[in-house]
Amino acid sequence: MRCRLNGDPICRENPYAPWKDEDVYPEVLSYHLDLAGFGELPDDPVIDEWLESFWWSRWPVLFLIERCCHDGEVLTLDLRETRMMGFPIDAIAACEHALATVPADYEQELFFIVSWAVRFERGSRMPPFVKATSLRHHLHR
């Protein structure tokens, strides 16, 4: 059995660790897509078909696309490999297929929308921030 330097066993139950299940399989709603600008795209069945394929995939394609982008722009192959290192090879192949089959006329817009929609969904699950006044109150004690 392989162990970490501190002696803890390496657990392969979650191949996406340290990401949690809710991060890997985000519940991206039309609300999150609209926040990211989806409503500004023309009504095109090719776009809808490309996005719908993610909901039927057994792999977390939305999460993987978000991991392959930086501020909505797709990273180079080397950086994508680094970010997805350790993920299941079939999941990486599904992500690369999604990147290769994006409708060419809307490529930049769709990667931007998907990556930000996933981030918006993740942010909506976070606890509310502490108000600045209460934070200042705790700092000056």
N, C-alpha and C. Protein backbone atom coordinates (compact mmCIF):
# COMPACT_ATOMS: atom_id res chain seq x y z
N MET A 1 0.85 -1.17 0.00
CA MET A 1 0.00 0.00 0.00
C MET A 1 0.89 1.24 0.00
N ARG A 2 0.55 2.19 -0.87
CA ARG A 2 1.31 3.43 -0.94
C ARG A 2 0.86 4.36 0.18
N CYS A 3 1.80 5.11 0.74
CA CYS A 3 1.49 6.03 1.84
C CYS A 3 2.07 7.40 1.55
N ARG A 4 1.47 8.39 2.17
CA ARG A 4 2.00 9.75 2.10
C ARG A 4 3.23 9.84 3.00
N LEU A 5 3.94 10.96 2.93
CA LEU A 5 5.14 11.13 3.75
C LEU A 5 4.84 11.08 5.24
N ASN A 6 3.63 11.49 5.64
CA ASN A 6 3.29 11.46 7.06
C ASN A 6 2.78 10.09 7.51
N GLY A 7 2.73 9.10 6.60
CA GLY A 7 2.32 7.75 6.95
C GLY A 7 0.87 7.44 6.64
N ASP A 8 0.06 8.46 6.31
CA ASP A 8 -1.34 8.20 5.97
C ASP A 8 -1.42 7.45 4.65
N PRO A 9 -2.32 6.46 4.57
CA PRO A 9 -2.45 5.74 3.30
C PRO A 9 -3.05 6.64 2.22
N ILE A 10 -2.65 6.41 0.98
CA ILE A 10 -3.20 7.15 -0.14
C ILE A 10 -4.51 6.49 -0.52
N CYS A 11 -5.57 7.25 -0.44
CA CYS A 11 -6.91 6.74 -0.71
C CYS A 11 -7.31 7.12 -2.13
N ARG A 12 -7.72 6.15 -2.91
CA ARG A 12 -8.12 6.40 -4.29
C ARG A 12 -9.64 6.39 -4.46
N GLU A 13 -10.39 6.56 -3.38
CA GLU A 13 -11.84 6.58 -3.48
C GLU A 13 -12.32 7.75 -4.32
N ASN A 14 -11.67 8.90 -4.20
CA ASN A 14 -12.04 10.07 -4.97
C ASN A 14 -10.87 10.43 -5.89
N PRO A 15 -10.95 10.04 -7.17
CA PRO A 15 -9.83 10.35 -8.07
C PRO A 15 -9.70 11.84 -8.35
N TYR A 16 -10.67 12.64 -7.94
CA TYR A 16 -10.62 14.07 -8.17
C TYR A 16 -10.17 14.85 -6.93
N ALA A 17 -9.70 14.16 -5.91
CA ALA A 17 -9.28 14.80 -4.67
C ALA A 17 -8.24 15.87 -4.99
N PRO A 18 -8.29 16.99 -4.32
CA PRO A 18 -9.01 17.36 -3.11
C PRO A 18 -10.41 17.93 -3.36
N TRP A 19 -10.90 17.88 -4.59
CA TRP A 19 -12.23 18.40 -4.90
C TRP A 19 -13.29 17.48 -4.32
N LYS A 20 -14.37 18.07 -3.82
CA LYS A 20 -15.48 17.29 -3.27
C LYS A 20 -16.45 16.92 -4.39
N ASP A 21 -17.35 15.97 -4.11
CA ASP A 21 -18.32 15.52 -5.11
C ASP A 21 -19.16 16.67 -5.64
N GLU A 22 -19.60 17.58 -4.76
CA GLU A 22 -20.43 18.68 -5.21
C GLU A 22 -19.65 19.66 -6.09
N ASP A 23 -18.32 19.67 -5.96
CA ASP A 23 -17.50 20.50 -6.85
C ASP A 23 -17.32 19.81 -8.20
N VAL A 24 -17.13 18.51 -8.17
CA VAL A 24 -16.88 17.75 -9.38
C VAL A 24 -18.13 17.64 -10.24
N TYR A 25 -19.27 17.47 -9.59
CA TYR A 25 -20.55 17.37 -10.29
C TYR A 25 -21.44 18.55 -9.91
N PRO A 26 -21.10 19.75 -10.39
CA PRO A 26 -21.87 20.94 -10.00
C PRO A 26 -23.28 20.90 -10.57
N GLU A 27 -24.19 21.48 -9.84
CA GLU A 27 -25.58 21.59 -10.30
C GLU A 27 -25.77 22.93 -11.01
N VAL A 28 -25.17 23.01 -12.18
CA VAL A 28 -25.25 24.24 -12.97
C VAL A 28 -26.66 24.36 -13.53
N LEU A 29 -27.31 25.45 -13.19
CA LEU A 29 -28.67 25.71 -13.63
C LEU A 29 -28.65 26.77 -14.73
N SER A 30 -29.79 26.95 -15.36
CA SER A 30 -29.88 27.99 -16.40
C SER A 30 -29.57 29.36 -15.80
N TYR A 31 -29.88 29.53 -14.51
CA TYR A 31 -29.57 30.78 -13.81
C TYR A 31 -28.06 31.06 -13.85
N HIS A 32 -27.24 30.04 -13.56
CA HIS A 32 -25.79 30.21 -13.57
C HIS A 32 -25.29 30.49 -14.99
N LEU A 33 -25.87 29.79 -15.97
CA LEU A 33 -25.48 30.03 -17.36
C LEU A 33 -25.84 31.46 -17.78
N ASP A 34 -27.00 31.92 -17.38
CA ASP A 34 -27.41 33.28 -17.73
C ASP A 34 -26.52 34.33 -17.06
N LEU A 35 -26.12 34.08 -15.81
CA LEU A 35 -25.19 35.00 -15.15
C LEU A 35 -23.88 35.11 -15.91
N ALA A 36 -23.47 33.99 -16.52
CA ALA A 36 -22.21 33.96 -17.26
C ALA A 36 -22.35 34.51 -18.67
N GLY A 37 -23.58 34.84 -19.09
CA GLY A 37 -23.77 35.47 -20.39
C GLY A 37 -24.39 34.60 -21.46
N PHE A 38 -24.93 33.44 -21.09
CA PHE A 38 -25.50 32.53 -22.09
C PHE A 38 -26.64 33.17 -22.88
N GLY A 39 -27.42 34.02 -22.24
CA GLY A 39 -28.55 34.66 -22.90
C GLY A 39 -28.15 35.59 -24.04
N GLU A 40 -26.88 35.97 -24.08
CA GLU A 40 -26.41 36.86 -25.14
C GLU A 40 -26.05 36.10 -26.42
N LEU A 41 -25.97 34.77 -26.35
CA LEU A 41 -25.67 33.98 -27.54
C LEU A 41 -26.94 33.80 -28.37
N PRO A 42 -26.79 33.65 -29.67
CA PRO A 42 -27.99 33.41 -30.49
C PRO A 42 -28.58 32.04 -30.18
N ASP A 43 -29.85 31.89 -30.44
CA ASP A 43 -30.54 30.62 -30.22
C ASP A 43 -30.14 29.66 -31.34
N ASP A 44 -29.20 28.78 -31.05
CA ASP A 44 -28.66 27.87 -32.05
C ASP A 44 -28.72 26.45 -31.51
N PRO A 45 -29.37 25.53 -32.23
CA PRO A 45 -29.48 24.15 -31.74
C PRO A 45 -28.13 23.46 -31.57
N VAL A 46 -27.13 23.89 -32.30
CA VAL A 46 -25.79 23.29 -32.18
C VAL A 46 -25.22 23.59 -30.79
N ILE A 47 -25.41 24.80 -30.31
CA ILE A 47 -24.95 25.18 -28.97
C ILE A 47 -25.69 24.35 -27.92
N ASP A 48 -27.01 24.28 -28.06
CA ASP A 48 -27.81 23.52 -27.09
C ASP A 48 -27.41 22.05 -27.07
N GLU A 49 -27.17 21.48 -28.24
CA GLU A 49 -26.78 20.07 -28.33
C GLU A 49 -25.43 19.84 -27.65
N TRP A 50 -24.48 20.77 -27.85
CA TRP A 50 -23.15 20.64 -27.24
C TRP A 50 -23.26 20.69 -25.72
N LEU A 51 -24.03 21.63 -25.21
CA LEU A 51 -24.19 21.75 -23.75
C LEU A 51 -24.96 20.56 -23.17
N GLU A 52 -26.01 20.13 -23.84
CA GLU A 52 -26.81 19.01 -23.33
C GLU A 52 -26.01 17.71 -23.25
N SER A 53 -25.01 17.58 -24.09
CA SER A 53 -24.20 16.35 -24.06
C SER A 53 -23.49 16.19 -22.71
N PHE A 54 -23.24 17.28 -22.01
CA PHE A 54 -22.57 17.20 -20.71
C PHE A 54 -23.48 16.63 -19.64
N TRP A 55 -24.77 16.91 -19.74
CA TRP A 55 -25.71 16.41 -18.74
C TRP A 55 -25.91 14.90 -18.88
N TRP A 56 -25.62 14.35 -20.06
CA TRP A 56 -25.79 12.91 -20.27
C TRP A 56 -24.48 12.15 -20.15
N SER A 57 -23.39 12.86 -20.01
CA SER A 57 -22.08 12.21 -19.89
C SER A 57 -21.91 11.60 -18.51
N ARG A 58 -21.21 10.50 -18.44
CA ARG A 58 -20.92 9.91 -17.13
C ARG A 58 -19.72 10.61 -16.47
N TRP A 59 -19.07 11.50 -17.21
CA TRP A 59 -17.90 12.19 -16.70
C TRP A 59 -18.26 13.63 -16.35
N PRO A 60 -17.56 14.22 -15.41
CA PRO A 60 -17.86 15.60 -14.98
C PRO A 60 -17.28 16.63 -15.95
N VAL A 61 -17.82 16.69 -17.15
CA VAL A 61 -17.25 17.51 -18.21
C VAL A 61 -17.27 19.00 -17.86
N LEU A 62 -18.35 19.47 -17.25
CA LEU A 62 -18.41 20.90 -16.89
C LEU A 62 -17.27 21.26 -15.94
N PHE A 63 -17.06 20.44 -14.93
CA PHE A 63 -15.96 20.66 -13.98
C PHE A 63 -14.61 20.62 -14.69
N LEU A 64 -14.44 19.65 -15.57
CA LEU A 64 -13.16 19.49 -16.26
C LEU A 64 -12.88 20.66 -17.20
N ILE A 65 -13.92 21.15 -17.88
CA ILE A 65 -13.71 22.32 -18.73
C ILE A 65 -13.31 23.52 -17.88
N GLU A 66 -13.96 23.68 -16.74
CA GLU A 66 -13.59 24.79 -15.84
C GLU A 66 -12.14 24.66 -15.39
N ARG A 67 -11.69 23.44 -15.14
CA ARG A 67 -10.30 23.22 -14.73
C ARG A 67 -9.33 23.51 -15.87
N CYS A 68 -9.80 23.38 -17.12
CA CYS A 68 -8.95 23.61 -18.30
C CYS A 68 -8.91 25.07 -18.72
N CYS A 69 -9.61 25.92 -18.01
CA CYS A 69 -9.67 27.33 -18.38
C CYS A 69 -9.08 28.20 -17.26
N HIS A 70 -8.64 29.36 -17.66
CA HIS A 70 -8.23 30.39 -16.72
C HIS A 70 -8.98 31.66 -17.10
N ASP A 71 -9.85 32.11 -16.22
CA ASP A 71 -10.70 33.27 -16.49
C ASP A 71 -11.46 33.12 -17.81
N GLY A 72 -11.89 31.90 -18.10
CA GLY A 72 -12.72 31.66 -19.27
C GLY A 72 -11.96 31.38 -20.56
N GLU A 73 -10.65 31.38 -20.52
CA GLU A 73 -9.86 31.09 -21.71
C GLU A 73 -9.19 29.73 -21.55
N VAL A 74 -9.27 28.92 -22.61
CA VAL A 74 -8.71 27.57 -22.56
C VAL A 74 -7.20 27.66 -22.46
N LEU A 75 -6.65 26.87 -21.55
CA LEU A 75 -5.20 26.82 -21.35
C LEU A 75 -4.53 25.99 -22.43
N THR A 76 -3.23 26.10 -22.52
CA THR A 76 -2.47 25.27 -23.46
C THR A 76 -2.53 23.82 -23.01
N LEU A 77 -2.19 22.91 -23.90
CA LEU A 77 -2.25 21.49 -23.60
C LEU A 77 -1.38 21.13 -22.39
N ASP A 78 -0.19 21.71 -22.28
CA ASP A 78 0.70 21.42 -21.15
C ASP A 78 0.06 21.80 -19.82
N LEU A 79 -0.55 22.99 -19.77
CA LEU A 79 -1.19 23.42 -18.52
C LEU A 79 -2.43 22.61 -18.21
N ARG A 80 -3.18 22.21 -19.25
CA ARG A 80 -4.35 21.36 -19.02
C ARG A 80 -3.91 20.01 -18.46
N GLU A 81 -2.84 19.45 -18.98
CA GLU A 81 -2.33 18.18 -18.47
C GLU A 81 -1.95 18.30 -17.00
N THR A 82 -1.33 19.41 -16.63
CA THR A 82 -0.93 19.63 -15.24
C THR A 82 -2.15 19.72 -14.34
N ARG A 83 -3.16 20.46 -14.76
CA ARG A 83 -4.35 20.65 -13.92
C ARG A 83 -5.17 19.37 -13.77
N MET A 84 -5.12 18.48 -14.76
CA MET A 84 -5.94 17.28 -14.69
C MET A 84 -5.14 16.03 -14.33
N MET A 85 -3.90 16.23 -13.95
CA MET A 85 -3.05 15.11 -13.56
C MET A 85 -3.70 14.33 -12.42
N GLY A 86 -3.78 13.05 -12.57
CA GLY A 86 -4.36 12.21 -11.53
C GLY A 86 -5.83 11.91 -11.74
N PHE A 87 -6.49 12.65 -12.64
CA PHE A 87 -7.89 12.36 -12.94
C PHE A 87 -7.96 11.12 -13.82
N PRO A 88 -9.08 10.42 -13.83
CA PRO A 88 -9.20 9.23 -14.68
C PRO A 88 -8.97 9.58 -16.16
N ILE A 89 -8.24 8.73 -16.85
CA ILE A 89 -7.89 9.00 -18.25
C ILE A 89 -9.13 9.12 -19.13
N ASP A 90 -10.18 8.34 -18.83
CA ASP A 90 -11.40 8.44 -19.63
C ASP A 90 -12.10 9.78 -19.42
N ALA A 91 -12.00 10.32 -18.22
CA ALA A 91 -12.58 11.65 -17.95
C ALA A 91 -11.81 12.71 -18.72
N ILE A 92 -10.50 12.60 -18.75
CA ILE A 92 -9.67 13.55 -19.50
C ILE A 92 -10.00 13.46 -20.99
N ALA A 93 -10.17 12.24 -21.49
CA ALA A 93 -10.53 12.05 -22.90
C ALA A 93 -11.88 12.68 -23.21
N ALA A 94 -12.85 12.55 -22.29
CA ALA A 94 -14.17 13.15 -22.49
C ALA A 94 -14.06 14.67 -22.52
N CYS A 95 -13.22 15.22 -21.68
CA CYS A 95 -13.01 16.67 -21.66
C CYS A 95 -12.36 17.13 -22.96
N GLU A 96 -11.33 16.45 -23.39
CA GLU A 96 -10.65 16.83 -24.64
C GLU A 96 -11.60 16.71 -25.82
N HIS A 97 -12.50 15.72 -25.78
CA HIS A 97 -13.51 15.59 -26.84
C HIS A 97 -14.44 16.79 -26.83
N ALA A 98 -14.86 17.22 -25.65
CA ALA A 98 -15.72 18.39 -25.53
C ALA A 98 -15.01 19.64 -26.04
N LEU A 99 -13.72 19.77 -25.74
CA LEU A 99 -12.96 20.92 -26.22
C LEU A 99 -12.84 20.90 -27.74
N ALA A 100 -12.71 19.71 -28.30
CA ALA A 100 -12.53 19.59 -29.75
C ALA A 100 -13.83 19.75 -30.53
N THR A 101 -14.96 19.47 -29.89
CA THR A 101 -16.23 19.49 -30.62
C THR A 101 -17.07 20.74 -30.35
N VAL A 102 -16.51 21.71 -29.66
CA VAL A 102 -17.25 22.95 -29.39
C VAL A 102 -17.60 23.61 -30.72
N PRO A 103 -18.80 24.16 -30.85
CA PRO A 103 -19.14 24.88 -32.08
C PRO A 103 -18.14 26.01 -32.32
N ALA A 104 -17.47 25.93 -33.46
CA ALA A 104 -16.34 26.82 -33.75
C ALA A 104 -16.73 28.30 -33.72
N ASP A 105 -17.95 28.62 -34.15
CA ASP A 105 -18.35 30.02 -34.21
C ASP A 105 -18.50 30.65 -32.82
N TYR A 106 -18.65 29.82 -31.80
CA TYR A 106 -18.91 30.32 -30.44
C TYR A 106 -17.90 29.77 -29.43
N GLU A 107 -16.76 29.34 -29.90
CA GLU A 107 -15.79 28.66 -29.05
C GLU A 107 -15.39 29.48 -27.82
N GLN A 108 -14.90 30.68 -28.03
CA GLN A 108 -14.44 31.49 -26.90
C GLN A 108 -15.58 31.81 -25.94
N GLU A 109 -16.73 32.14 -26.49
CA GLU A 109 -17.87 32.49 -25.64
C GLU A 109 -18.32 31.31 -24.79
N LEU A 110 -18.38 30.12 -25.39
CA LEU A 110 -18.88 28.95 -24.66
C LEU A 110 -17.91 28.53 -23.56
N PHE A 111 -16.62 28.56 -23.82
CA PHE A 111 -15.67 28.21 -22.76
C PHE A 111 -15.75 29.22 -21.62
N PHE A 112 -15.90 30.48 -21.95
CA PHE A 112 -16.05 31.51 -20.93
C PHE A 112 -17.31 31.25 -20.11
N ILE A 113 -18.43 30.99 -20.78
CA ILE A 113 -19.71 30.79 -20.11
C ILE A 113 -19.67 29.55 -19.22
N VAL A 114 -19.16 28.43 -19.72
CA VAL A 114 -19.11 27.20 -18.93
C VAL A 114 -18.21 27.37 -17.72
N SER A 115 -17.03 27.91 -17.92
CA SER A 115 -16.11 28.03 -16.77
C SER A 115 -16.66 28.96 -15.70
N TRP A 116 -17.29 30.07 -16.11
CA TRP A 116 -17.83 30.99 -15.11
C TRP A 116 -19.12 30.47 -14.49
N ALA A 117 -19.93 29.74 -15.25
CA ALA A 117 -21.16 29.17 -14.68
C ALA A 117 -20.82 28.17 -13.58
N VAL A 118 -19.77 27.37 -13.79
CA VAL A 118 -19.34 26.41 -12.76
C VAL A 118 -18.84 27.17 -11.53
N ARG A 119 -18.11 28.24 -11.75
CA ARG A 119 -17.63 29.04 -10.61
C ARG A 119 -18.78 29.71 -9.86
N PHE A 120 -19.77 30.21 -10.61
CA PHE A 120 -20.93 30.83 -9.95
C PHE A 120 -21.68 29.81 -9.11
N GLU A 121 -21.83 28.59 -9.64
CA GLU A 121 -22.52 27.54 -8.89
C GLU A 121 -21.73 27.21 -7.63
N ARG A 122 -20.42 27.11 -7.73
CA ARG A 122 -19.57 26.81 -6.57
C ARG A 122 -19.69 27.93 -5.54
N GLY A 123 -19.69 29.16 -6.02
CA GLY A 123 -19.82 30.30 -5.12
C GLY A 123 -21.16 30.36 -4.42
N SER A 124 -22.21 29.89 -5.10
CA SER A 124 -23.54 29.93 -4.48
C SER A 124 -23.66 28.94 -3.32
N ARG A 125 -22.77 27.95 -3.26
CA ARG A 125 -22.79 26.98 -2.17
C ARG A 125 -21.94 27.43 -0.98
N MET A 126 -21.18 28.49 -1.14
CA MET A 126 -20.31 28.95 -0.06
C MET A 126 -21.13 29.68 1.00
N PRO A 127 -20.68 29.64 2.25
CA PRO A 127 -21.40 30.39 3.29
C PRO A 127 -21.28 31.88 3.02
N PRO A 128 -22.24 32.66 3.48
CA PRO A 128 -22.19 34.10 3.24
C PRO A 128 -20.96 34.72 3.90
N PHE A 129 -20.48 35.78 3.29
CA PHE A 129 -19.30 36.47 3.81
C PHE A 129 -19.66 37.25 5.07
N VAL A 130 -18.67 37.46 5.92
CA VAL A 130 -18.84 38.26 7.12
C VAL A 130 -18.88 39.73 6.69
N LYS A 131 -19.81 40.48 7.24
CA LYS A 131 -19.89 41.90 6.89
C LYS A 131 -18.61 42.60 7.32
N ALA A 132 -18.21 43.59 6.56
CA ALA A 132 -16.98 44.31 6.84
C ALA A 132 -17.02 44.97 8.21
N THR A 133 -18.19 45.47 8.63
CA THR A 133 -18.25 46.14 9.92
C THR A 133 -18.01 45.14 11.05
N SER A 134 -18.57 43.94 10.92
CA SER A 134 -18.36 42.97 11.99
C SER A 134 -16.93 42.45 11.97
N LEU A 135 -16.31 42.39 10.80
CA LEU A 135 -14.93 41.97 10.71
C LEU A 135 -14.02 42.99 11.38
N ARG A 136 -14.27 44.28 11.11
CA ARG A 136 -13.48 45.33 11.76
C ARG A 136 -13.66 45.27 13.27
N HIS A 137 -14.88 44.96 13.70
CA HIS A 137 -15.16 44.87 15.13
C HIS A 137 -14.30 43.78 15.77
N HIS A 138 -14.14 42.64 15.10
CA HIS A 138 -13.34 41.56 15.66
C HIS A 138 -11.84 41.85 15.60
N LEU A 139 -11.41 42.63 14.60
CA LEU A 139 -9.99 42.93 14.48
C LEU A 139 -9.51 43.93 15.52
N HIS A 140 -10.40 44.81 15.97
CA HIS A 140 -10.00 45.86 16.92
C HIS A 140 -10.24 45.47 18.36
N ARG A 141 -10.48 44.25 18.64
CA ARG A 141 -10.69 43.83 20.02
C ARG A 141 -9.40 43.75 20.76
